[in-house]
Structure formats: structure tokens, C-alpha cells
Amino acid sequence: MRALIGILVAIGLVVLVLVLIFSGGGGPTKKPLYLPDYATSTSFAQMSIRGPINAPQDHNDVRVTVSSSDSSLEIIKGYEDQTASTKTFDMTPAAYTQFLFALQRENFTKGNPDSSLKENRGICPFGRLYTFVFNDGSNERERYWTTSCGQGNFQGNGIAVRDLFQAQIPDYSTLTTDVNL
């Protein structure tokens, strides 16, 4: 009788292990983020462009942040995240909603979540590093990156997403003419 109970317990454990393996462990799965759901919140989307890795005196980054109330362009000098200049423009909730729909259609939230791909320091040293972030107003929900060298964990349409962010800043090209990227 003990042998029969032992066999049944062993079979039960094997079945349980197989169920856990094939169901992904039964832990919580990440619900896909649908950006338009955040159109009326305090959320913001952000794109940062890091230029080539060079002397601190010559190094520049550009950061574009878009929310339902404004869009801003920051020029960053050096590596200590010191803002050299900021230009802010009005945004409306209706425009922000359209922007979020456009980002969604260009797969802004699509990326490889593999933790080994999160580190991007030193990547593409002679090119550009593009970082895309979505913050729900209190938490960073997405962070993906890509480079002009073809590396990264971002799997959306990088060119369209970059163009969408730049289009939220009137005279973006003029404002960034003297930025060494």
C-alpha cells in the first residue's frame, strides 16, 4: 500500500512540474501596454539621443519629452546629464492622444525584454544611441533602445518613432543645428 501511495505522489509531482514548465511557471504575465489608455493621465513619452562617445567638452545628448500638456527639447552637455538648454512648447490632450496612437501603431512598446540586453553603456561608440521610454506618470513602464550601428532591444519602427518625436518640437532641425550628434 505504501508503495502505491509513493508512486501516486511521484506521478503527481511529475505532472505538477510539467504543468508549471509548460504554463510559464504560473507567475504573472506582463499585460501588453496600450499607450492610448494613458492619453488623459500624467504620463509622458521620451526619446533620448546620445551622440558619439568623445571628450566631455564635445559630448552632446538630445532629449525630447512629450506629455498631454507640453513637449520639450533638452540639449545635454557632457556626461553628467547637465542641461545646457531647454525649449518647451504647448501640447494639447487631443494632440497627445494622436501622438500616442501613432506611437502604438509604430510598435513603440515592442522590444526584447531579455535582461541581458538592458545594458547599453558604451554601445555604438562612434554612432548614435536612441533610448525610448514610456512613464505612466509614476513608474517607468517601458525602456528600449536601438543604435545607428544596428544594435538594441527595441523592435518597433525606429525611424518612424524618431520622426514622430522630432515632429512634436517646432523647428526641431533648427534648434539642434549646432548640436554635435
C-alpha atoms as a PDB file:
ATOM      1  CA  MET A   1       0.000   0.000   0.000  1.00  0.00           C
ATOM      2  CA  ARG A   2       2.834   2.420   0.876  1.00  0.00           C
ATOM      3  CA  ALA A   3       4.460   1.701  -2.464  1.00  0.00           C
ATOM      4  CA  LEU A   4       1.241   2.574  -4.303  1.00  0.00           C
ATOM      5  CA  ILE A   5       0.898   5.874  -2.414  1.00  0.00           C
ATOM      6  CA  GLY A   6       4.565   6.666  -3.131  1.00  0.00           C
ATOM      7  CA  ILE A   7       4.071   6.009  -6.837  1.00  0.00           C
ATOM      8  CA  LEU A   8       0.934   8.190  -6.931  1.00  0.00           C
ATOM      9  CA  VAL A   9       2.734  11.036  -5.124  1.00  0.00           C
ATOM     10  CA  ALA A  10       5.684  10.764  -7.543  1.00  0.00           C
ATOM     11  CA  ILE A  11       3.348  10.822 -10.566  1.00  0.00           C
ATOM     12  CA  GLY A  12       1.531  13.831  -9.085  1.00  0.00           C
ATOM     13  CA  LEU A  13       4.813  15.721  -8.629  1.00  0.00           C
ATOM     14  CA  VAL A  14       5.897  14.936 -12.190  1.00  0.00           C
ATOM     15  CA  VAL A  15       2.543  16.211 -13.524  1.00  0.00           C
ATOM     16  CA  LEU A  16       2.812  19.366 -11.387  1.00  0.00           C
ATOM     17  CA  VAL A  17       6.342  20.078 -12.622  1.00  0.00           C
ATOM     18  CA  LEU A  18       5.257  19.594 -16.256  1.00  0.00           C
ATOM     19  CA  VAL A  19       2.276  21.927 -15.799  1.00  0.00           C
ATOM     20  CA  LEU A  20       4.499  24.609 -14.274  1.00  0.00           C
ATOM     21  CA  ILE A  21       7.087  24.277 -17.039  1.00  0.00           C
ATOM     22  CA  PHE A  22       4.594  24.472 -19.890  1.00  0.00           C
ATOM     23  CA  SER A  23       2.473  27.219 -18.328  1.00  0.00           C
ATOM     24  CA  GLY A  24       5.451  29.504 -17.752  1.00  0.00           C
ATOM     25  CA  GLY A  25       5.570  28.913 -14.028  1.00  0.00           C
ATOM     26  CA  GLY A  26       2.131  30.285 -13.374  1.00  0.00           C
ATOM     27  CA  GLY A  27       3.549  33.696 -12.415  1.00  0.00           C
ATOM     28  CA  PRO A  28       2.013  36.943 -13.549  1.00  0.00           C
ATOM     29  CA  THR A  29       2.388  37.692 -17.231  1.00  0.00           C
ATOM     30  CA  LYS A  30       3.043  41.221 -18.404  1.00  0.00           C
ATOM     31  CA  LYS A  31      -0.047  42.727 -19.968  1.00  0.00           C
ATOM     32  CA  PRO A  32       0.816  44.493 -23.227  1.00  0.00           C
ATOM     33  CA  LEU A  33       0.883  48.248 -22.779  1.00  0.00           C
ATOM     34  CA  TYR A  34      -1.688  50.146 -24.861  1.00  0.00           C
ATOM     35  CA  LEU A  35      -0.474  53.750 -24.977  1.00  0.00           C
ATOM     36  CA  PRO A  36      -3.794  55.469 -25.852  1.00  0.00           C
ATOM     37  CA  ASP A  37      -5.143  54.287 -22.483  1.00  0.00           C
ATOM     38  CA  TYR A  38      -2.794  56.862 -20.917  1.00  0.00           C
ATOM     39  CA  ALA A  39      -3.845  59.854 -23.028  1.00  0.00           C
ATOM     40  CA  THR A  40      -5.621  61.647 -20.167  1.00  0.00           C
ATOM     41  CA  SER A  41      -3.117  60.767 -17.451  1.00  0.00           C
ATOM     42  CA  THR A  42       0.098  62.389 -16.268  1.00  0.00           C
ATOM     43  CA  SER A  43       2.079  60.034 -18.488  1.00  0.00           C
ATOM     44  CA  PHE A  44       4.896  61.023 -20.801  1.00  0.00           C
ATOM     45  CA  ALA A  45       6.903  59.500 -23.610  1.00  0.00           C
ATOM     46  CA  GLN A  46      10.551  60.294 -24.086  1.00  0.00           C
ATOM     47  CA  MET A  47      13.277  59.837 -26.672  1.00  0.00           C
ATOM     48  CA  SER A  48      16.935  60.452 -25.882  1.00  0.00           C
ATOM     49  CA  ILE A  49      19.682  60.587 -28.484  1.00  0.00           C
ATOM     50  CA  ARG A  50      23.255  60.087 -27.311  1.00  0.00           C
ATOM     51  CA  GLY A  51      25.936  61.221 -29.685  1.00  0.00           C
ATOM     52  CA  PRO A  52      29.335  59.585 -30.182  1.00  0.00           C
ATOM     53  CA  ILE A  53      31.441  58.798 -27.143  1.00  0.00           C
ATOM     54  CA  ASN A  54      34.012  61.580 -27.134  1.00  0.00           C
ATOM     55  CA  ALA A  55      35.583  64.203 -24.865  1.00  0.00           C
ATOM     56  CA  PRO A  56      33.173  65.585 -22.268  1.00  0.00           C
ATOM     57  CA  GLN A  57      33.598  69.089 -23.688  1.00  0.00           C
ATOM     58  CA  ASP A  58      32.379  67.857 -27.087  1.00  0.00           C
ATOM     59  CA  HIS A  59      29.712  65.394 -25.953  1.00  0.00           C
ATOM     60  CA  ASN A  60      26.016  66.128 -26.514  1.00  0.00           C
ATOM     61  CA  ASP A  61      22.714  64.381 -25.971  1.00  0.00           C
ATOM     62  CA  VAL A  62      19.237  65.456 -27.033  1.00  0.00           C
ATOM     63  CA  ARG A  63      16.113  64.559 -25.062  1.00  0.00           C
ATOM     64  CA  VAL A  64      12.530  65.039 -26.288  1.00  0.00           C
ATOM     65  CA  THR A  65       9.733  64.584 -23.763  1.00  0.00           C
ATOM     66  CA  VAL A  66       6.052  64.653 -24.724  1.00  0.00           C
ATOM     67  CA  SER A  67       3.085  64.773 -22.344  1.00  0.00           C
ATOM     68  CA  SER A  68      -0.528  65.894 -22.579  1.00  0.00           C
ATOM     69  CA  SER A  69       0.402  69.442 -21.518  1.00  0.00           C
ATOM     70  CA  ASP A  70       3.731  70.115 -23.218  1.00  0.00           C
ATOM     71  CA  SER A  71       6.608  68.870 -25.304  1.00  0.00           C
ATOM     72  CA  SER A  72      10.175  69.798 -24.530  1.00  0.00           C
ATOM     73  CA  LEU A  73      13.575  69.635 -26.133  1.00  0.00           C
ATOM     74  CA  GLU A  74      16.625  69.468 -23.881  1.00  0.00           C
ATOM     75  CA  ILE A  75      20.197  69.786 -25.062  1.00  0.00           C
ATOM     76  CA  ILE A  76      22.511  67.939 -22.671  1.00  0.00           C
ATOM     77  CA  LYS A  77      26.242  68.745 -22.484  1.00  0.00           C
ATOM     78  CA  GLY A  78      28.850  66.294 -21.231  1.00  0.00           C
ATOM     79  CA  TYR A  79      28.197  63.018 -19.451  1.00  0.00           C
ATOM     80  CA  GLU A  80      26.784  64.315 -16.142  1.00  0.00           C
ATOM     81  CA  ASP A  81      23.279  64.945 -17.542  1.00  0.00           C
ATOM     82  CA  GLN A  82      23.683  68.731 -17.278  1.00  0.00           C
ATOM     83  CA  THR A  83      21.036  70.537 -19.293  1.00  0.00           C
ATOM     84  CA  ALA A  84      22.593  73.258 -21.472  1.00  0.00           C
ATOM     85  CA  SER A  85      19.248  74.480 -22.824  1.00  0.00           C
ATOM     86  CA  THR A  86      15.567  73.638 -22.776  1.00  0.00           C
ATOM     87  CA  LYS A  87      12.780  74.713 -25.074  1.00  0.00           C
ATOM     88  CA  THR A  88       9.182  73.896 -24.096  1.00  0.00           C
ATOM     89  CA  PHE A  89       6.081  74.026 -26.283  1.00  0.00           C
ATOM     90  CA  ASP A  90       2.392  73.707 -25.501  1.00  0.00           C
ATOM     91  CA  MET A  91       0.749  70.359 -26.160  1.00  0.00           C
ATOM     92  CA  THR A  92      -2.951  69.589 -26.015  1.00  0.00           C
ATOM     93  CA  PRO A  93      -4.622  66.418 -24.775  1.00  0.00           C
ATOM     94  CA  ALA A  94      -6.077  65.837 -28.259  1.00  0.00           C
ATOM     95  CA  ALA A  95      -2.635  66.155 -29.878  1.00  0.00           C
ATOM     96  CA  TYR A  96      -1.087  63.899 -27.236  1.00  0.00           C
ATOM     97  CA  THR A  97      -3.780  61.299 -27.880  1.00  0.00           C
ATOM     98  CA  GLN A  98      -2.955  61.308 -31.594  1.00  0.00           C
ATOM     99  CA  PHE A  99       0.751  61.061 -30.781  1.00  0.00           C
ATOM    100  CA  LEU A 100       0.168  58.023 -28.524  1.00  0.00           C
ATOM    101  CA  PHE A 101      -1.961  56.310 -31.182  1.00  0.00           C
ATOM    102  CA  ALA A 102       0.807  56.927 -33.732  1.00  0.00           C
ATOM    103  CA  LEU A 103       3.481  55.534 -31.387  1.00  0.00           C
ATOM    104  CA  GLN A 104       1.311  52.474 -30.747  1.00  0.00           C
ATOM    105  CA  ARG A 105       0.951  51.846 -34.489  1.00  0.00           C
ATOM    106  CA  GLU A 106       4.735  52.071 -34.913  1.00  0.00           C
ATOM    107  CA  ASN A 107       5.247  49.443 -32.153  1.00  0.00           C
ATOM    108  CA  PHE A 108       6.811  51.834 -29.635  1.00  0.00           C
ATOM    109  CA  THR A 109       6.136  49.295 -26.871  1.00  0.00           C
ATOM    110  CA  LYS A 110       7.613  46.345 -28.721  1.00  0.00           C
ATOM    111  CA  GLY A 111      11.014  45.215 -27.537  1.00  0.00           C
ATOM    112  CA  ASN A 112      13.015  42.265 -26.377  1.00  0.00           C
ATOM    113  CA  PRO A 113      12.613  42.083 -22.573  1.00  0.00           C
ATOM    114  CA  ASP A 114      15.736  39.920 -22.150  1.00  0.00           C
ATOM    115  CA  SER A 115      17.541  41.469 -19.172  1.00  0.00           C
ATOM    116  CA  SER A 116      20.927  40.817 -20.783  1.00  0.00           C
ATOM    117  CA  LEU A 117      20.013  43.444 -23.422  1.00  0.00           C
ATOM    118  CA  LYS A 118      19.219  46.244 -20.947  1.00  0.00           C
ATOM    119  CA  GLU A 119      22.801  47.473 -20.589  1.00  0.00           C
ATOM    120  CA  ASN A 120      23.674  49.942 -23.348  1.00  0.00           C
ATOM    121  CA  ARG A 121      26.620  51.913 -21.954  1.00  0.00           C
ATOM    122  CA  GLY A 122      29.493  52.040 -24.428  1.00  0.00           C
ATOM    123  CA  ILE A 123      27.361  50.619 -27.245  1.00  0.00           C
ATOM    124  CA  CYS A 124      27.926  52.038 -30.749  1.00  0.00           C
ATOM    125  CA  PRO A 125      30.706  54.418 -29.624  1.00  0.00           C
ATOM    126  CA  PHE A 126      31.007  56.279 -32.930  1.00  0.00           C
ATOM    127  CA  GLY A 127      27.301  56.435 -33.727  1.00  0.00           C
ATOM    128  CA  ARG A 128      24.034  57.321 -32.050  1.00  0.00           C
ATOM    129  CA  LEU A 129      22.169  55.595 -29.244  1.00  0.00           C
ATOM    130  CA  TYR A 130      18.389  56.119 -29.196  1.00  0.00           C
ATOM    131  CA  THR A 131      16.536  55.382 -25.952  1.00  0.00           C
ATOM    132  CA  PHE A 132      12.731  55.242 -25.857  1.00  0.00           C
ATOM    133  CA  VAL A 133      10.893  55.482 -22.525  1.00  0.00           C
ATOM    134  CA  PHE A 134       7.256  55.493 -21.510  1.00  0.00           C
ATOM    135  CA  ASN A 135       6.351  56.597 -17.983  1.00  0.00           C
ATOM    136  CA  ASP A 136       2.763  56.239 -16.742  1.00  0.00           C
ATOM    137  CA  GLY A 137       3.143  59.292 -14.509  1.00  0.00           C
ATOM    138  CA  SER A 138       4.693  57.487 -11.568  1.00  0.00           C
ATOM    139  CA  ASN A 139       6.523  54.454 -12.985  1.00  0.00           C
ATOM    140  CA  GLU A 140       8.703  53.763 -15.972  1.00  0.00           C
ATOM    141  CA  ARG A 141       6.700  51.162 -17.882  1.00  0.00           C
ATOM    142  CA  GLU A 142       8.870  50.690 -20.969  1.00  0.00           C
ATOM    143  CA  ARG A 143      12.521  51.349 -21.822  1.00  0.00           C
ATOM    144  CA  TYR A 144      14.019  50.143 -25.075  1.00  0.00           C
ATOM    145  CA  TRP A 145      16.977  51.261 -27.130  1.00  0.00           C
ATOM    146  CA  THR A 146      18.455  50.998 -30.584  1.00  0.00           C
ATOM    147  CA  THR A 147      21.524  52.422 -32.313  1.00  0.00           C
ATOM    148  CA  SER A 148      22.696  53.708 -35.655  1.00  0.00           C
ATOM    149  CA  CYS A 149      25.004  50.649 -35.572  1.00  0.00           C
ATOM    150  CA  GLY A 150      22.095  48.195 -35.702  1.00  0.00           C
ATOM    151  CA  GLN A 151      22.127  47.017 -32.077  1.00  0.00           C
ATOM    152  CA  GLY A 152      19.478  47.154 -29.367  1.00  0.00           C
ATOM    153  CA  ASN A 153      16.391  45.646 -27.811  1.00  0.00           C
ATOM    154  CA  PHE A 154      13.843  47.952 -29.495  1.00  0.00           C
ATOM    155  CA  GLN A 155      11.743  46.074 -32.048  1.00  0.00           C
ATOM    156  CA  GLY A 156       9.451  48.847 -33.252  1.00  0.00           C
ATOM    157  CA  ASN A 157       9.824  51.086 -36.288  1.00  0.00           C
ATOM    158  CA  GLY A 158      12.797  53.150 -35.109  1.00  0.00           C
ATOM    159  CA  ILE A 159      12.831  55.636 -37.969  1.00  0.00           C
ATOM    160  CA  ALA A 160       9.111  56.408 -37.691  1.00  0.00           C
ATOM    161  CA  VAL A 161       9.281  56.700 -33.894  1.00  0.00           C
ATOM    162  CA  ARG A 162      12.248  59.107 -34.077  1.00  0.00           C
ATOM    163  CA  ASP A 163      10.433  61.174 -36.703  1.00  0.00           C
ATOM    164  CA  LEU A 164       7.281  61.294 -34.551  1.00  0.00           C
ATOM    165  CA  PHE A 165       9.204  62.636 -31.556  1.00  0.00           C
ATOM    166  CA  GLN A 166      11.056  65.211 -33.638  1.00  0.00           C
ATOM    167  CA  ALA A 167       7.753  66.336 -35.196  1.00  0.00           C
ATOM    168  CA  GLN A 168       6.476  67.298 -31.720  1.00  0.00           C
ATOM    169  CA  ILE A 169       9.129  70.019 -31.499  1.00  0.00           C
ATOM    170  CA  PRO A 170       8.524  73.004 -33.811  1.00  0.00           C
ATOM    171  CA  ASP A 171      11.736  73.815 -35.699  1.00  0.00           C
ATOM    172  CA  TYR A 172      13.496  70.731 -34.321  1.00  0.00           C
ATOM    173  CA  SER A 173      16.118  70.830 -37.084  1.00  0.00           C
ATOM    174  CA  THR A 174      16.910  74.491 -36.458  1.00  0.00           C
ATOM    175  CA  LEU A 175      17.078  74.050 -32.677  1.00  0.00           C
ATOM    176  CA  THR A 176      19.519  71.148 -32.978  1.00  0.00           C
ATOM    177  CA  THR A 177      21.674  72.515 -35.811  1.00  0.00           C
ATOM    178  CA  ASP A 178      24.642  73.260 -33.552  1.00  0.00           C
ATOM    179  CA  VAL A 179      24.367  70.044 -31.530  1.00  0.00           C
ATOM    180  CA  ASN A 180      27.244  67.657 -32.193  1.00  0.00           C
ATOM    181  CA  LEU A 181      25.482  64.324 -32.698  1.00  0.00           C
END
